[in-house]
Amino acid sequence: MAKNYWLIKSEPDVFGFDDLAKCKGQTEHWDGIRNYQARNFMRDSMQKGDIAIFYHSNAGPKVGAVGLASVASEKAYPDHTQFDPKSNYYDAKSSKDNPRWLMVSFKWKAAFKRLVTLKELKETAELEDMLVVQRGQRLSIQPVEKRHFTYVCKMGGLTAKELKALEV
């Protein structure tokens, strides 16, 4: 199967790229997704081994792409936070028999040598049709075309040789 490329957003003060690196096995579930389109991407299109650009959002001047992670789970599975009344992500209409919300696990892959800011992404002609730079595009999980993925990695300081070694 062909590898898919993604951009995943997280607020670094909630769960950042460095937090993923510190997790056991550098792997963690990606919970709290409450958008049907993002959920459907996880459910229908994500597969183990896909690669994602890890993007820090809502981080002031540090908004941007910081590194790479890979999908570590075989498929999407129920997000446990939807069943916990104490969770901010609780969904009273969801049940264990018919869960609404799913998640996948991600594994830390590589840090960029430098932050690639949203401003830079928006100012780069080669990325003008990349979803993250489009007005109103706020999805926390979004597909990325391979050409955009490769270009952002290059902007982040990763060489073609390094990308090949990472199997991306």
N, C-alpha and C. Protein backbone atom coordinates (compact mmCIF):
# COMPACT_ATOMS: atom_id res chain seq x y z
N MET A 1 0.82 -1.20 0.00
CA MET A 1 0.00 0.00 0.00
C MET A 1 0.86 1.25 0.00
N ALA A 2 0.41 2.25 -0.70
CA ALA A 2 1.13 3.52 -0.76
C ALA A 2 1.04 4.23 0.59
N LYS A 3 2.09 4.91 0.92
CA LYS A 3 2.14 5.67 2.17
C LYS A 3 1.37 6.97 1.98
N ASN A 4 0.64 7.35 3.01
CA ASN A 4 -0.07 8.63 3.03
C ASN A 4 0.72 9.61 3.89
N TYR A 5 0.52 10.88 3.61
CA TYR A 5 1.19 11.94 4.36
C TYR A 5 0.14 12.83 4.97
N TRP A 6 0.43 13.31 6.19
CA TRP A 6 -0.54 14.06 6.98
C TRP A 6 0.14 15.24 7.66
N LEU A 7 -0.69 16.13 8.15
CA LEU A 7 -0.26 17.17 9.07
C LEU A 7 -1.17 17.03 10.28
N ILE A 8 -0.55 16.92 11.46
CA ILE A 8 -1.32 16.82 12.70
C ILE A 8 -0.97 18.02 13.57
N LYS A 9 -2.01 18.66 14.10
CA LYS A 9 -1.82 19.86 14.91
C LYS A 9 -2.05 19.55 16.38
N SER A 10 -1.22 20.17 17.20
CA SER A 10 -1.40 20.10 18.64
C SER A 10 -0.88 21.38 19.26
N GLU A 11 -1.49 21.76 20.35
CA GLU A 11 -1.01 22.92 21.09
C GLU A 11 0.12 22.44 21.99
N PRO A 12 1.31 23.02 21.88
CA PRO A 12 2.45 22.51 22.63
C PRO A 12 2.31 22.61 24.14
N ASP A 13 1.46 23.52 24.63
CA ASP A 13 1.26 23.59 26.08
C ASP A 13 0.29 22.50 26.57
N VAL A 14 -0.40 21.84 25.64
CA VAL A 14 -1.27 20.71 25.98
C VAL A 14 -0.52 19.40 25.75
N PHE A 15 -0.01 19.22 24.54
CA PHE A 15 0.81 18.05 24.19
C PHE A 15 1.63 18.41 22.98
N GLY A 16 2.92 18.63 23.22
CA GLY A 16 3.80 19.05 22.14
C GLY A 16 4.68 17.92 21.62
N PHE A 17 5.46 18.26 20.62
CA PHE A 17 6.35 17.30 19.98
C PHE A 17 7.35 16.72 20.97
N ASP A 18 7.87 17.57 21.86
CA ASP A 18 8.80 17.09 22.88
C ASP A 18 8.12 16.11 23.84
N ASP A 19 6.83 16.32 24.10
CA ASP A 19 6.08 15.38 24.96
C ASP A 19 6.01 14.00 24.30
N LEU A 20 5.79 13.98 22.99
CA LEU A 20 5.74 12.71 22.28
C LEU A 20 7.08 12.00 22.38
N ALA A 21 8.17 12.72 22.26
CA ALA A 21 9.51 12.13 22.36
C ALA A 21 9.75 11.51 23.73
N LYS A 22 9.10 12.05 24.78
CA LYS A 22 9.31 11.56 26.15
C LYS A 22 8.39 10.40 26.53
N CYS A 23 7.41 10.07 25.69
CA CYS A 23 6.48 8.98 25.99
C CYS A 23 7.19 7.63 25.89
N LYS A 24 6.65 6.66 26.59
CA LYS A 24 7.20 5.31 26.52
C LYS A 24 7.20 4.85 25.06
N GLY A 25 8.35 4.42 24.59
CA GLY A 25 8.48 4.00 23.21
C GLY A 25 8.30 5.14 22.22
N GLN A 26 8.34 6.37 22.73
CA GLN A 26 8.11 7.59 21.93
C GLN A 26 6.80 7.49 21.15
N THR A 27 5.81 6.83 21.77
CA THR A 27 4.53 6.58 21.12
C THR A 27 3.40 6.97 22.07
N GLU A 28 2.35 7.58 21.50
CA GLU A 28 1.20 7.98 22.31
C GLU A 28 -0.05 8.02 21.45
N HIS A 29 -1.20 7.80 22.09
CA HIS A 29 -2.47 7.92 21.37
C HIS A 29 -2.79 9.40 21.14
N TRP A 30 -3.55 9.65 20.09
CA TRP A 30 -3.91 11.01 19.69
C TRP A 30 -5.39 11.19 19.97
N ASP A 31 -5.71 11.57 21.19
CA ASP A 31 -7.11 11.65 21.61
C ASP A 31 -7.68 13.06 21.46
N GLY A 32 -8.97 13.16 21.68
CA GLY A 32 -9.63 14.46 21.72
C GLY A 32 -10.04 15.03 20.37
N ILE A 33 -9.95 14.26 19.31
CA ILE A 33 -10.37 14.75 18.00
C ILE A 33 -11.90 14.75 17.97
N ARG A 34 -12.49 15.93 17.80
CA ARG A 34 -13.95 16.05 17.81
C ARG A 34 -14.46 16.76 16.56
N ASN A 35 -13.93 16.37 15.46
CA ASN A 35 -14.36 16.88 14.17
C ASN A 35 -14.59 15.66 13.29
N TYR A 36 -15.76 15.57 12.68
CA TYR A 36 -16.10 14.38 11.90
C TYR A 36 -15.16 14.16 10.72
N GLN A 37 -14.76 15.22 10.05
CA GLN A 37 -13.87 15.06 8.90
C GLN A 37 -12.51 14.52 9.34
N ALA A 38 -11.96 15.06 10.42
CA ALA A 38 -10.68 14.56 10.94
C ALA A 38 -10.82 13.11 11.40
N ARG A 39 -11.92 12.81 12.07
CA ARG A 39 -12.17 11.43 12.50
C ARG A 39 -12.22 10.49 11.30
N ASN A 40 -12.89 10.92 10.24
CA ASN A 40 -13.02 10.08 9.05
C ASN A 40 -11.67 9.86 8.37
N PHE A 41 -10.79 10.85 8.40
CA PHE A 41 -9.44 10.65 7.88
C PHE A 41 -8.75 9.52 8.65
N MET A 42 -8.86 9.56 9.98
CA MET A 42 -8.24 8.51 10.79
C MET A 42 -8.87 7.15 10.50
N ARG A 43 -10.17 7.12 10.45
CA ARG A 43 -10.91 5.87 10.27
C ARG A 43 -10.71 5.26 8.88
N ASP A 44 -10.78 6.10 7.85
CA ASP A 44 -10.85 5.60 6.49
C ASP A 44 -9.53 5.60 5.72
N SER A 45 -8.60 6.46 6.12
CA SER A 45 -7.41 6.64 5.29
C SER A 45 -6.08 6.40 5.98
N MET A 46 -6.00 6.65 7.27
CA MET A 46 -4.72 6.46 7.95
C MET A 46 -4.40 4.99 8.08
N GLN A 47 -3.11 4.70 7.88
CA GLN A 47 -2.65 3.33 8.04
C GLN A 47 -1.29 3.33 8.73
N LYS A 48 -0.98 2.25 9.37
CA LYS A 48 0.30 2.14 10.07
C LYS A 48 1.43 2.42 9.08
N GLY A 49 2.37 3.26 9.52
CA GLY A 49 3.50 3.62 8.68
C GLY A 49 3.34 4.94 7.94
N ASP A 50 2.12 5.47 7.88
CA ASP A 50 1.94 6.79 7.29
C ASP A 50 2.77 7.80 8.09
N ILE A 51 3.17 8.88 7.44
CA ILE A 51 4.02 9.87 8.08
C ILE A 51 3.27 11.20 8.20
N ALA A 52 3.46 11.85 9.35
CA ALA A 52 2.79 13.13 9.61
C ALA A 52 3.79 14.21 9.98
N ILE A 53 3.53 15.39 9.49
CA ILE A 53 4.24 16.58 9.96
C ILE A 53 3.57 16.97 11.27
N PHE A 54 4.34 17.09 12.32
CA PHE A 54 3.83 17.50 13.63
C PHE A 54 3.90 19.03 13.66
N TYR A 55 2.74 19.64 13.90
CA TYR A 55 2.59 21.08 13.78
C TYR A 55 2.10 21.65 15.10
N HIS A 56 2.84 22.62 15.63
CA HIS A 56 2.41 23.30 16.85
C HIS A 56 1.47 24.45 16.49
N SER A 57 0.27 24.40 17.03
CA SER A 57 -0.72 25.45 16.77
C SER A 57 -0.94 26.28 18.03
N ASN A 58 -1.50 27.46 17.83
CA ASN A 58 -1.82 28.36 18.95
C ASN A 58 -0.63 28.57 19.88
N ALA A 59 0.55 28.73 19.29
CA ALA A 59 1.76 28.87 20.09
C ALA A 59 2.46 30.20 19.84
N GLY A 60 1.69 31.23 19.52
CA GLY A 60 2.27 32.55 19.28
C GLY A 60 3.30 32.50 18.16
N PRO A 61 4.49 33.05 18.39
CA PRO A 61 5.50 33.07 17.32
C PRO A 61 6.07 31.68 17.00
N LYS A 62 5.78 30.70 17.83
CA LYS A 62 6.30 29.34 17.60
C LYS A 62 5.30 28.43 16.91
N VAL A 63 4.33 29.03 16.21
CA VAL A 63 3.36 28.25 15.43
C VAL A 63 4.08 27.74 14.19
N GLY A 64 4.01 26.43 13.98
CA GLY A 64 4.62 25.89 12.78
C GLY A 64 4.98 24.43 12.89
N ALA A 65 5.62 23.95 11.84
CA ALA A 65 6.01 22.54 11.74
C ALA A 65 7.31 22.32 12.50
N VAL A 66 7.32 21.28 13.35
CA VAL A 66 8.48 21.04 14.21
C VAL A 66 9.15 19.69 14.00
N GLY A 67 8.46 18.75 13.36
CA GLY A 67 9.07 17.44 13.18
C GLY A 67 8.13 16.46 12.53
N LEU A 68 8.52 15.19 12.61
CA LEU A 68 7.76 14.11 11.97
C LEU A 68 7.38 13.03 12.96
N ALA A 69 6.21 12.45 12.73
CA ALA A 69 5.73 11.31 13.52
C ALA A 69 5.12 10.31 12.54
N SER A 70 5.06 9.07 12.93
CA SER A 70 4.45 8.06 12.07
C SER A 70 3.24 7.45 12.77
N VAL A 71 2.29 7.00 11.97
CA VAL A 71 1.12 6.32 12.52
C VAL A 71 1.61 4.96 13.05
N ALA A 72 1.35 4.70 14.31
CA ALA A 72 1.87 3.49 14.96
C ALA A 72 0.82 2.42 15.18
N SER A 73 -0.46 2.75 15.06
CA SER A 73 -1.51 1.76 15.28
C SER A 73 -1.97 1.21 13.94
N GLU A 74 -2.42 -0.04 13.96
CA GLU A 74 -2.88 -0.69 12.74
C GLU A 74 -4.09 0.01 12.13
N LYS A 75 -4.97 0.48 13.01
CA LYS A 75 -6.17 1.19 12.56
C LYS A 75 -6.66 2.08 13.68
N ALA A 76 -7.61 2.94 13.35
CA ALA A 76 -8.19 3.81 14.37
C ALA A 76 -8.99 2.97 15.35
N TYR A 77 -9.02 3.42 16.60
CA TYR A 77 -9.74 2.71 17.64
C TYR A 77 -10.47 3.72 18.53
N PRO A 78 -11.46 3.26 19.31
CA PRO A 78 -12.28 4.21 20.09
C PRO A 78 -11.44 5.08 21.03
N ASP A 79 -11.75 6.35 21.03
CA ASP A 79 -11.13 7.32 21.93
C ASP A 79 -11.79 7.17 23.30
N HIS A 80 -11.02 6.73 24.28
CA HIS A 80 -11.56 6.47 25.62
C HIS A 80 -12.08 7.72 26.32
N THR A 81 -11.60 8.90 25.93
CA THR A 81 -12.03 10.12 26.63
C THR A 81 -13.50 10.46 26.40
N GLN A 82 -14.09 9.93 25.33
CA GLN A 82 -15.51 10.21 25.06
C GLN A 82 -16.43 9.57 26.09
N PHE A 83 -15.93 8.57 26.82
CA PHE A 83 -16.75 7.85 27.80
C PHE A 83 -16.55 8.34 29.23
N ASP A 84 -15.61 9.26 29.44
CA ASP A 84 -15.27 9.73 30.78
C ASP A 84 -15.95 11.06 31.07
N PRO A 85 -16.96 11.06 31.97
CA PRO A 85 -17.68 12.31 32.28
C PRO A 85 -16.78 13.41 32.83
N LYS A 86 -15.62 13.07 33.34
CA LYS A 86 -14.70 14.06 33.89
C LYS A 86 -13.79 14.66 32.81
N SER A 87 -13.82 14.10 31.63
CA SER A 87 -12.95 14.56 30.55
C SER A 87 -13.58 15.74 29.81
N ASN A 88 -12.74 16.65 29.33
CA ASN A 88 -13.20 17.74 28.48
C ASN A 88 -13.76 17.22 27.16
N TYR A 89 -13.42 15.99 26.82
CA TYR A 89 -13.83 15.40 25.54
C TYR A 89 -14.98 14.40 25.70
N TYR A 90 -15.63 14.42 26.84
CA TYR A 90 -16.76 13.53 27.10
C TYR A 90 -17.88 13.80 26.10
N ASP A 91 -18.50 12.72 25.64
CA ASP A 91 -19.64 12.83 24.72
C ASP A 91 -20.75 11.92 25.23
N ALA A 92 -21.75 12.50 25.84
CA ALA A 92 -22.85 11.72 26.44
C ALA A 92 -23.62 10.91 25.40
N LYS A 93 -23.57 11.31 24.13
CA LYS A 93 -24.31 10.59 23.10
C LYS A 93 -23.53 9.42 22.50
N SER A 94 -22.29 9.27 22.92
CA SER A 94 -21.46 8.17 22.41
C SER A 94 -21.54 6.99 23.38
N SER A 95 -21.50 5.80 22.84
CA SER A 95 -21.53 4.60 23.69
C SER A 95 -20.40 3.65 23.30
N LYS A 96 -20.04 2.77 24.19
CA LYS A 96 -18.98 1.80 23.89
C LYS A 96 -19.40 0.86 22.76
N ASP A 97 -20.71 0.63 22.62
CA ASP A 97 -21.21 -0.21 21.53
C ASP A 97 -21.18 0.52 20.19
N ASN A 98 -21.29 1.84 20.25
CA ASN A 98 -21.32 2.63 19.02
C ASN A 98 -20.55 3.94 19.26
N PRO A 99 -19.21 3.85 19.37
CA PRO A 99 -18.43 5.06 19.65
C PRO A 99 -18.43 6.02 18.47
N ARG A 100 -18.54 7.30 18.78
CA ARG A 100 -18.49 8.33 17.74
C ARG A 100 -17.07 8.72 17.38
N TRP A 101 -16.20 8.68 18.37
CA TRP A 101 -14.88 9.30 18.22
C TRP A 101 -13.78 8.25 18.28
N LEU A 102 -12.81 8.44 17.40
CA LEU A 102 -11.71 7.49 17.27
C LEU A 102 -10.38 8.20 17.46
N MET A 103 -9.34 7.40 17.58
CA MET A 103 -7.99 7.94 17.67
C MET A 103 -7.02 6.93 17.07
N VAL A 104 -5.84 7.37 16.78
CA VAL A 104 -4.74 6.51 16.36
C VAL A 104 -3.56 6.84 17.27
N SER A 105 -2.58 5.99 17.24
CA SER A 105 -1.34 6.25 17.99
C SER A 105 -0.28 6.76 17.02
N PHE A 106 0.55 7.67 17.52
CA PHE A 106 1.65 8.20 16.73
C PHE A 106 2.97 7.93 17.44
N LYS A 107 4.01 7.73 16.65
CA LYS A 107 5.37 7.51 17.15
C LYS A 107 6.26 8.64 16.66
N TRP A 108 7.05 9.18 17.58
CA TRP A 108 8.02 10.22 17.25
C TRP A 108 8.98 9.67 16.20
N LYS A 109 9.27 10.47 15.19
CA LYS A 109 10.14 10.00 14.10
C LYS A 109 11.42 10.82 13.99
N ALA A 110 11.30 12.13 13.88
CA ALA A 110 12.48 13.00 13.75
C ALA A 110 12.09 14.45 13.98
N ALA A 111 12.99 15.18 14.59
CA ALA A 111 12.78 16.61 14.79
C ALA A 111 13.34 17.37 13.60
N PHE A 112 12.66 18.44 13.23
CA PHE A 112 13.22 19.34 12.24
C PHE A 112 14.40 20.07 12.88
N LYS A 113 15.33 20.49 12.07
CA LYS A 113 16.48 21.23 12.57
C LYS A 113 16.11 22.66 12.91
N ARG A 114 14.97 23.08 12.33
CA ARG A 114 14.46 24.41 12.67
C ARG A 114 12.94 24.43 12.49
N LEU A 115 12.30 25.29 13.24
CA LEU A 115 10.86 25.50 13.13
C LEU A 115 10.53 26.09 11.76
N VAL A 116 9.52 25.54 11.11
CA VAL A 116 9.03 26.11 9.86
C VAL A 116 7.73 26.82 10.22
N THR A 117 7.77 28.13 10.25
CA THR A 117 6.63 28.91 10.74
C THR A 117 5.47 28.92 9.73
N LEU A 118 4.29 29.19 10.25
CA LEU A 118 3.12 29.33 9.39
C LEU A 118 3.35 30.46 8.38
N LYS A 119 3.96 31.54 8.83
CA LYS A 119 4.25 32.66 7.94
C LYS A 119 5.10 32.19 6.76
N GLU A 120 6.14 31.40 7.03
CA GLU A 120 6.98 30.88 5.94
C GLU A 120 6.19 29.97 5.00
N LEU A 121 5.38 29.11 5.58
CA LEU A 121 4.57 28.22 4.76
C LEU A 121 3.68 29.02 3.82
N LYS A 122 3.06 30.07 4.36
CA LYS A 122 2.15 30.89 3.56
C LYS A 122 2.89 31.69 2.49
N GLU A 123 4.14 32.03 2.74
CA GLU A 123 4.91 32.84 1.80
C GLU A 123 5.65 32.01 0.74
N THR A 124 5.55 30.69 0.82
CA THR A 124 6.28 29.82 -0.10
C THR A 124 5.37 29.42 -1.26
N ALA A 125 5.72 29.87 -2.44
CA ALA A 125 4.88 29.65 -3.63
C ALA A 125 4.61 28.16 -3.87
N GLU A 126 5.59 27.31 -3.61
CA GLU A 126 5.43 25.87 -3.84
C GLU A 126 4.38 25.24 -2.93
N LEU A 127 3.98 25.96 -1.89
CA LEU A 127 3.02 25.43 -0.92
C LEU A 127 1.68 26.15 -0.96
N GLU A 128 1.46 26.98 -1.97
CA GLU A 128 0.27 27.83 -1.99
C GLU A 128 -1.05 27.05 -1.97
N ASP A 129 -1.04 25.79 -2.41
CA ASP A 129 -2.28 25.00 -2.36
C ASP A 129 -2.27 23.94 -1.26
N MET A 130 -1.30 24.01 -0.35
CA MET A 130 -1.28 23.12 0.81
C MET A 130 -2.41 23.52 1.75
N LEU A 131 -3.12 22.55 2.29
CA LEU A 131 -4.31 22.85 3.09
C LEU A 131 -4.04 23.78 4.27
N VAL A 132 -2.96 23.55 4.99
CA VAL A 132 -2.72 24.33 6.21
C VAL A 132 -2.59 25.83 5.94
N VAL A 133 -2.23 26.22 4.74
CA VAL A 133 -2.08 27.65 4.44
C VAL A 133 -3.36 28.26 3.88
N GLN A 134 -4.37 27.46 3.68
CA GLN A 134 -5.64 27.96 3.15
C GLN A 134 -6.43 28.67 4.24
N ARG A 135 -7.08 29.74 3.88
CA ARG A 135 -7.90 30.51 4.81
C ARG A 135 -9.01 29.62 5.38
N GLY A 136 -9.19 29.64 6.69
CA GLY A 136 -10.26 28.89 7.34
C GLY A 136 -9.98 27.41 7.54
N GLN A 137 -8.79 26.96 7.17
CA GLN A 137 -8.46 25.53 7.31
C GLN A 137 -7.94 25.28 8.72
N ARG A 138 -8.80 24.72 9.56
CA ARG A 138 -8.46 24.56 10.97
C ARG A 138 -8.43 23.11 11.42
N LEU A 139 -8.57 22.17 10.51
CA LEU A 139 -8.59 20.76 10.91
C LEU A 139 -7.31 20.36 11.63
N SER A 140 -7.45 19.59 12.70
CA SER A 140 -6.29 19.14 13.46
C SER A 140 -5.58 17.97 12.79
N ILE A 141 -6.24 17.34 11.85
CA ILE A 141 -5.64 16.28 11.04
C ILE A 141 -6.03 16.56 9.60
N GLN A 142 -5.03 16.66 8.74
CA GLN A 142 -5.33 16.94 7.34
C GLN A 142 -4.32 16.24 6.44
N PRO A 143 -4.78 15.81 5.27
CA PRO A 143 -3.87 15.16 4.33
C PRO A 143 -2.88 16.17 3.75
N VAL A 144 -1.72 15.65 3.37
CA VAL A 144 -0.68 16.48 2.76
C VAL A 144 -0.20 15.74 1.51
N GLU A 145 -0.07 16.46 0.42
CA GLU A 145 0.48 15.86 -0.80
C GLU A 145 1.97 15.60 -0.59
N LYS A 146 2.47 14.53 -1.19
CA LYS A 146 3.88 14.15 -1.00
C LYS A 146 4.81 15.30 -1.37
N ARG A 147 4.51 16.02 -2.45
CA ARG A 147 5.39 17.12 -2.87
C ARG A 147 5.44 18.22 -1.80
N HIS A 148 4.31 18.49 -1.14
CA HIS A 148 4.29 19.47 -0.06
C HIS A 148 5.05 18.95 1.15
N PHE A 149 4.81 17.68 1.46
CA PHE A 149 5.49 17.05 2.59
C PHE A 149 7.01 17.17 2.42
N THR A 150 7.50 16.78 1.27
CA THR A 150 8.94 16.80 1.01
C THR A 150 9.49 18.22 1.10
N TYR A 151 8.74 19.17 0.58
CA TYR A 151 9.19 20.56 0.60
C TYR A 151 9.27 21.10 2.03
N VAL A 152 8.26 20.79 2.85
CA VAL A 152 8.27 21.26 4.24
C VAL A 152 9.43 20.60 5.00
N CYS A 153 9.68 19.33 4.75
CA CYS A 153 10.81 18.65 5.40
C CYS A 153 12.13 19.33 5.04
N LYS A 154 12.28 19.69 3.76
CA LYS A 154 13.47 20.40 3.29
C LYS A 154 13.60 21.75 4.01
N MET A 155 12.48 22.46 4.13
CA MET A 155 12.49 23.74 4.83
C MET A 155 12.89 23.56 6.29
N GLY A 156 12.51 22.42 6.87
CA GLY A 156 12.85 22.11 8.26
C GLY A 156 14.27 21.64 8.45
N GLY A 157 15.00 21.50 7.34
CA GLY A 157 16.42 21.16 7.44
C GLY A 157 16.75 19.70 7.24
N LEU A 158 15.76 18.87 6.89
CA LEU A 158 16.05 17.46 6.65
C LEU A 158 16.48 17.27 5.19
N THR A 159 17.55 16.52 5.01
CA THR A 159 18.07 16.27 3.66
C THR A 159 17.35 15.06 3.04
N ALA A 160 17.50 14.92 1.74
CA ALA A 160 16.91 13.76 1.04
C ALA A 160 17.49 12.47 1.62
N LYS A 161 18.77 12.48 1.95
CA LYS A 161 19.42 11.30 2.54
C LYS A 161 18.79 10.96 3.91
N GLU A 162 18.55 11.97 4.71
CA GLU A 162 17.92 11.75 6.03
C GLU A 162 16.49 11.23 5.87
N LEU A 163 15.75 11.78 4.92
CA LEU A 163 14.38 11.32 4.69
C LEU A 163 14.37 9.86 4.23
N LYS A 164 15.32 9.52 3.38
CA LYS A 164 15.41 8.13 2.91
C LYS A 164 15.72 7.20 4.08
N ALA A 165 16.63 7.62 4.96
CA ALA A 165 16.97 6.81 6.13
C ALA A 165 15.79 6.64 7.07
N LEU A 166 14.89 7.64 7.08
CA LEU A 166 13.68 7.59 7.91
C LEU A 166 12.56 6.80 7.22
N GLU A 167 12.82 6.37 6.01
CA GLU A 167 11.84 5.62 5.21
C GLU A 167 10.59 6.43 4.93
N VAL A 168 10.79 7.70 4.63
CA VAL A 168 9.67 8.55 4.22
C VAL A 168 9.88 8.89 2.79
